[in-house]
Protein backbone atom coordinates (compact mmCIF):
# COMPACT_ATOMS: atom_id res chain seq x y z
CA MET A 1 14.85 11.76 6.36
CA ILE A 2 15.21 8.07 6.61
CA ALA A 3 18.50 6.67 5.81
CA ARG A 4 19.09 4.21 3.06
CA PRO A 5 20.95 0.97 2.96
CA GLU A 6 24.03 1.47 1.26
CA GLY A 7 22.79 4.91 0.15
CA GLY A 8 21.12 3.36 -3.04
CA PRO A 9 17.74 3.46 -4.44
CA ARG A 10 14.41 1.85 -2.90
CA VAL A 11 10.92 1.27 -3.42
CA VAL A 12 8.85 3.46 -1.45
CA VAL A 13 5.10 2.70 -1.09
CA GLY A 14 2.26 4.53 0.67
CA VAL A 15 -0.44 2.59 2.07
CA ASP A 16 -3.86 2.98 3.50
CA ASP A 17 -7.12 0.79 4.04
CA SER A 18 -8.32 0.97 0.42
CA ALA A 19 -8.14 -1.21 -2.57
CA GLY A 20 -5.53 0.79 -4.24
CA ALA A 21 -2.97 0.65 -1.79
CA ARG A 22 -3.57 -3.08 -1.46
CA CYS A 23 -2.60 -3.09 -5.44
CA ALA A 24 0.09 -0.32 -5.04
CA LEU A 25 1.56 -2.73 -2.06
CA SER A 26 1.36 -5.91 -4.31
CA TRP A 27 3.14 -3.97 -7.20
CA ALA A 28 5.80 -2.44 -4.87
CA ILE A 29 6.83 -5.98 -3.57
CA GLY A 30 7.15 -7.22 -7.07
CA ALA A 31 9.24 -4.01 -8.08
CA ALA A 32 11.71 -4.30 -5.15
CA ARG A 33 11.92 -8.08 -5.91
CA LEU A 34 12.77 -7.88 -9.51
CA ARG A 35 15.32 -4.79 -9.17
CA ARG A 36 16.71 -6.26 -5.88
CA LEU A 37 15.89 -2.78 -4.22
CA PRO A 38 14.83 -2.42 -0.38
CA LEU A 39 11.14 -1.95 0.19
CA LEU A 40 9.72 1.08 2.54
CA VAL A 41 6.26 0.57 3.57
CA VAL A 42 5.01 3.81 4.98
CA HIS A 43 1.63 4.67 6.47
CA ALA A 44 1.04 8.32 7.39
CA ALA A 45 -2.39 9.39 9.18
CA PRO A 46 -3.33 13.10 9.18
CA LEU A 47 -3.41 14.45 12.53
CA PRO A 48 -7.26 15.31 13.29
CA PRO A 49 -8.20 18.91 13.01
CA HIS A 50 -9.31 19.06 16.31
CA VAL A 51 -6.41 17.80 18.09
CA SER A 52 -4.24 19.84 15.98
CA ALA A 53 -6.11 23.08 16.79
CA ALA A 54 -6.30 22.48 20.73
CA GLY A 55 -2.82 21.36 20.80
CA GLN A 56 -3.36 18.13 22.52
CA LEU A 57 -0.24 16.36 20.98
CA GLY A 58 0.63 15.32 24.30
CA CYS A 59 -2.22 13.13 25.26
CA GLY A 60 -1.42 9.95 23.44
CA VAL A 61 -3.08 10.56 19.95
CA THR A 62 -0.15 10.66 18.13
CA GLU A 63 1.00 7.28 19.94
CA ALA A 64 -2.74 6.02 18.91
CA LEU A 65 -2.21 6.64 15.29
CA ARG A 66 1.27 5.16 15.07
CA GLY A 67 0.03 2.11 16.47
CA SER A 68 -3.36 1.79 14.51
CA GLY A 69 -0.95 2.59 11.47
CA ALA A 70 1.76 -0.27 12.08
CA GLU A 71 -1.04 -2.77 12.72
CA LEU A 72 -2.93 -1.67 9.31
CA ILE A 73 0.73 -2.24 7.66
CA ALA A 74 0.97 -5.80 9.30
CA ARG A 75 -2.70 -6.56 8.24
CA LEU A 76 -1.98 -5.59 4.71
CA LEU A 77 1.45 -7.48 4.30
CA ALA A 78 -0.54 -10.55 5.43
CA GLU A 79 -3.34 -9.96 2.97
CA VAL A 80 -0.93 -9.03 0.45
CA SER A 81 1.66 -11.15 0.71
CA GLY A 82 1.16 -13.60 3.54
CA GLY A 83 3.35 -11.54 5.96
CA PRO A 84 6.50 -9.75 5.23
CA PRO A 85 7.86 -10.82 1.68
CA ASP A 86 10.20 -13.27 1.09
CA GLY A 87 13.49 -12.02 -0.90
CA VAL A 88 12.84 -8.26 -0.21
CA ARG A 89 14.64 -6.21 2.24
CA MET A 90 11.49 -4.50 3.64
CA SER A 91 11.26 -1.86 6.66
CA ALA A 92 7.69 -0.10 7.80
CA LEU A 93 6.90 3.40 8.93
CA ALA A 94 3.65 4.23 10.78
CA LEU A 95 3.85 8.12 11.00
CA VAL A 96 1.61 11.19 11.84
CA GLY A 97 1.23 13.82 9.36
CA GLU A 98 -0.18 14.64 5.63
CA PRO A 99 0.12 11.60 3.70
CA GLY A 100 0.90 13.47 0.29
CA ALA A 101 3.79 15.61 1.99
CA THR A 102 5.37 12.88 4.13
CA LEU A 103 5.73 10.30 1.06
CA VAL A 104 7.47 13.41 -0.75
CA ARG A 105 9.54 14.09 2.10
CA LEU A 106 10.62 10.17 2.25
CA ALA A 107 11.03 9.54 -1.32
CA GLY A 108 14.49 10.79 -2.76
CA ASP A 109 15.45 11.50 -6.26
CA ASP A 110 16.54 7.92 -7.12
CA ASP A 111 13.53 6.15 -5.49
CA ILE A 112 10.29 4.69 -7.03
CA LEU A 113 7.37 6.15 -5.00
CA VAL A 114 4.35 3.88 -5.37
CA VAL A 115 0.70 5.06 -4.58
CA GLY A 116 -2.51 3.79 -5.28
CA ARG A 117 -5.17 5.32 -7.41
CA GLY A 118 -8.87 5.36 -6.33
CA SER A 119 -11.92 6.73 -7.85
CA ARG A 120 -13.46 9.47 -5.45
CA GLY A 121 -16.20 12.06 -5.93
CA PRO A 122 -15.53 15.67 -5.99
CA LEU A 123 -16.78 16.13 -2.11
CA SER A 124 -14.28 13.37 -1.13
CA ARG A 125 -11.70 15.17 -2.59
CA LEU A 126 -12.67 18.24 -1.12
CA LEU A 127 -12.64 16.64 2.41
CA ARG A 128 -9.59 14.76 1.95
CA PRO A 129 -6.88 15.98 -0.60
CA SER A 130 -5.73 13.44 -3.06
CA VAL A 131 -2.41 11.84 -2.27
CA ARG A 132 -1.84 10.93 -5.94
CA LEU A 133 -1.78 14.43 -7.12
CA HIS A 134 0.11 15.74 -4.52
CA CYS A 135 3.12 13.65 -5.20
CA ALA A 136 2.52 13.93 -8.93
CA ARG A 137 2.98 17.87 -8.46
CA ARG A 138 6.15 17.93 -5.92
CA ALA A 139 7.88 14.36 -5.60
CA SER A 140 11.18 14.44 -7.25
CA ALA A 141 11.03 10.40 -7.30
CA THR A 142 9.69 8.35 -10.05
CA LEU A 143 6.09 8.36 -9.43
CA VAL A 144 4.22 4.76 -9.98
CA CYS A 145 0.14 5.09 -9.53
CA VAL A 146 -1.52 1.78 -9.36
CA GLN A 147 -4.74 1.57 -10.32
CA PRO A 148 -7.22 -1.53 -8.87
CA PRO A 149 -8.65 -3.63 -11.80
CA SER A 150 -11.89 -2.54 -13.06
CA PHE A 151 -14.75 -5.15 -12.76
CA ASP A 152 -14.72 -5.73 -16.28
CA THR A 153 -11.27 -6.52 -16.33
CA LEU A 154 -11.78 -9.15 -13.47
CA LEU A 155 -14.73 -10.27 -15.46
CA GLU A 156 -12.42 -10.80 -18.61
CA GLY A 157 -9.91 -12.93 -16.34
CA LEU A 158 -12.65 -15.45 -15.11
CA THR A 159 -14.15 -15.56 -18.70
CA ALA A 160 -10.67 -16.56 -20.34
CA ARG A 161 -9.73 -19.37 -17.92
CA ASP A 162 -11.09 -22.81 -18.51
CA THR A 163 -14.79 -23.01 -17.08
CA SER A 164 -15.23 -26.77 -17.48
CA PRO A 165 -17.48 -27.94 -14.53
CA GLU A 166 -14.35 -30.20 -13.62
CA HIS A 167 -11.95 -27.28 -13.74
CA VAL A 168 -14.04 -25.23 -11.76
CA MET A 169 -14.93 -27.50 -9.09
CA GLY A 170 -11.28 -28.88 -9.00
CA SER A 171 -10.07 -25.40 -8.24
CA ARG A 172 -12.79 -24.67 -5.88
CA PHE A 173 -11.70 -27.79 -3.69
CA ARG A 174 -8.16 -26.89 -3.86
CA ARG A 175 -8.86 -23.44 -2.53
CA LEU A 176 -10.70 -25.19 0.28
CA GLY A 177 -8.15 -27.58 0.77
CA ARG A 178 -5.54 -24.90 1.41
CA ARG A 179 -7.94 -23.10 3.46
CA LEU A 180 -8.41 -25.73 5.69
CA ARG A 181 -5.01 -27.56 4.94
CA LEU A 182 -5.98 -30.78 3.71
CA PRO A 183 -4.05 -32.58 1.34
CA LEU A 184 -5.58 -32.78 -1.81
């Protein structure tokens, strides 16, 4: 079990390389900032079946999985918030194990457990069990499932804005200027 700062609640978010995980991370950062709670970002990589069947744990596979998990967490934080979020006490863990079981084990009764929700087909669910459903069945923490916005929601957001040519071109040039770091 991971020790809690001052023994209080925290926001625990499970991430992988999916759109749902990016939305969950963004929501968790906002919740931690709003509630002034520490944030724990967790990536759990399942051990490949051929490695666990062969008993080859000492051959560096677990270290490689942890290293790639730490890189993934750093990349997601850079994409979502430009790096470690300001105003939030944050820690990150890259672990090897079944993601659902790992998150349930890490999240305590008073924590907020945040996971992404994606749409997968039956074959994908058969090959890889749903982390969200595992957490919903077994977690004692408050569970929040964050679903990425649908295409219709994104389209509504675009049409609700001012679409005058001056506004659209101005915003495009501002974004280009920020990307190139030009004073506009």
